[in-house]
Amino acid sequence: MLDVTKTERQLYILSLISENESGVTIQDIVRFLERVNIKVNSKTVERDIDDLSVVNFPVMEEKRGKKTYFRSEKFGL
């Protein structure tokens, strides 16, 4: 398991949601982070997305049926 800071984890999340125009679910994000060896639960991801929104990263939320999808404009470092 990688030892990453909250900010690093949020950058992973922001990168993922900005690369997927159709949006990703919380579970998609959790699975992605696990694939890069970052262990996290869905509540943590939800808080991270809230934090990103608070600091003015344009995270958009869209309900489709029973699922919520998140996406963002293209992000790069």
Protein backbone atom coordinates (compact mmCIF):
# COMPACT_ATOMS: atom_id res chain seq x y z
CA MET A 1 0.00 0.00 0.00
CA LEU A 2 1.30 3.45 -0.93
CA ASP A 3 1.61 6.00 1.82
CA VAL A 4 0.14 9.11 0.19
CA THR A 5 -0.95 12.38 1.67
CA LYS A 6 -4.51 13.62 1.47
CA THR A 7 -3.48 16.15 -1.16
CA GLU A 8 -1.78 13.49 -3.29
CA ARG A 9 -4.85 11.27 -3.07
CA GLN A 10 -7.07 14.18 -4.08
CA LEU A 11 -4.84 14.88 -7.08
CA TYR A 12 -5.28 11.24 -8.16
CA ILE A 13 -9.04 11.67 -7.85
CA LEU A 14 -9.09 14.98 -9.71
CA SER A 15 -6.97 13.51 -12.48
CA LEU A 16 -9.29 10.51 -12.82
CA ILE A 17 -12.52 12.48 -12.93
CA SER A 18 -11.11 15.00 -15.40
CA GLU A 19 -10.03 12.21 -17.79
CA ASN A 20 -13.49 10.61 -17.91
CA GLU A 21 -15.93 12.84 -19.79
CA SER A 22 -18.87 10.57 -19.04
CA GLY A 23 -18.12 10.70 -15.31
CA VAL A 24 -17.18 8.18 -12.65
CA THR A 25 -18.90 6.90 -9.53
CA ILE A 26 -17.46 6.80 -6.03
CA GLN A 27 -16.97 3.04 -6.45
CA ASP A 28 -15.10 3.62 -9.75
CA ILE A 29 -12.76 5.97 -7.90
CA VAL A 30 -12.21 3.51 -5.03
CA ARG A 31 -11.37 0.73 -7.53
CA PHE A 32 -9.00 3.03 -9.44
CA LEU A 33 -7.16 4.00 -6.26
CA GLU A 34 -6.90 0.35 -5.21
CA ARG A 35 -5.36 -0.47 -8.63
CA VAL A 36 -2.62 2.08 -7.94
CA ASN A 37 -2.18 0.55 -4.50
CA ILE A 38 -3.96 3.23 -2.46
CA LYS A 39 -6.36 1.74 0.07
CA VAL A 40 -9.35 4.00 0.70
CA ASN A 41 -13.05 3.66 1.48
CA SER A 42 -16.00 5.35 -0.21
CA LYS A 43 -16.61 7.81 2.66
CA THR A 44 -13.05 9.11 2.34
CA VAL A 45 -13.51 9.59 -1.40
CA GLU A 46 -16.78 11.46 -0.77
CA ARG A 47 -15.00 13.78 1.69
CA ASP A 48 -12.15 14.30 -0.77
CA ILE A 49 -14.60 15.30 -3.53
CA ASP A 50 -16.33 17.69 -1.11
CA ASP A 51 -12.95 19.19 -0.20
CA LEU A 52 -12.04 19.65 -3.87
CA SER A 53 -15.33 21.44 -4.48
CA VAL A 54 -14.81 23.75 -1.50
CA VAL A 55 -11.43 24.92 -2.84
CA ASN A 56 -13.06 25.77 -6.18
CA PHE A 57 -12.07 22.83 -8.35
CA PRO A 58 -14.95 22.47 -10.80
CA VAL A 59 -16.29 19.06 -9.76
CA MET A 60 -19.68 18.42 -11.33
CA GLU A 61 -22.15 15.92 -9.93
CA GLU A 62 -24.83 14.23 -12.03
CA LYS A 63 -27.53 11.79 -10.92
CA ARG A 64 -28.31 8.99 -13.38
CA GLY A 65 -30.86 6.59 -12.00
CA LYS A 66 -29.66 5.50 -8.57
CA LYS A 67 -26.00 6.40 -9.20
CA THR A 68 -24.16 9.68 -8.91
CA TYR A 69 -21.40 10.43 -11.42
CA PHE A 70 -18.62 12.94 -10.92
CA ARG A 71 -16.65 14.71 -13.60
CA SER A 72 -14.48 17.75 -14.02
CA GLU A 73 -12.94 19.84 -16.71
CA LYS A 74 -9.55 18.70 -17.97
CA PHE A 75 -6.95 18.93 -15.21
CA GLY A 76 -3.19 18.69 -15.52
CA LEU A 77 -0.14 19.54 -13.50
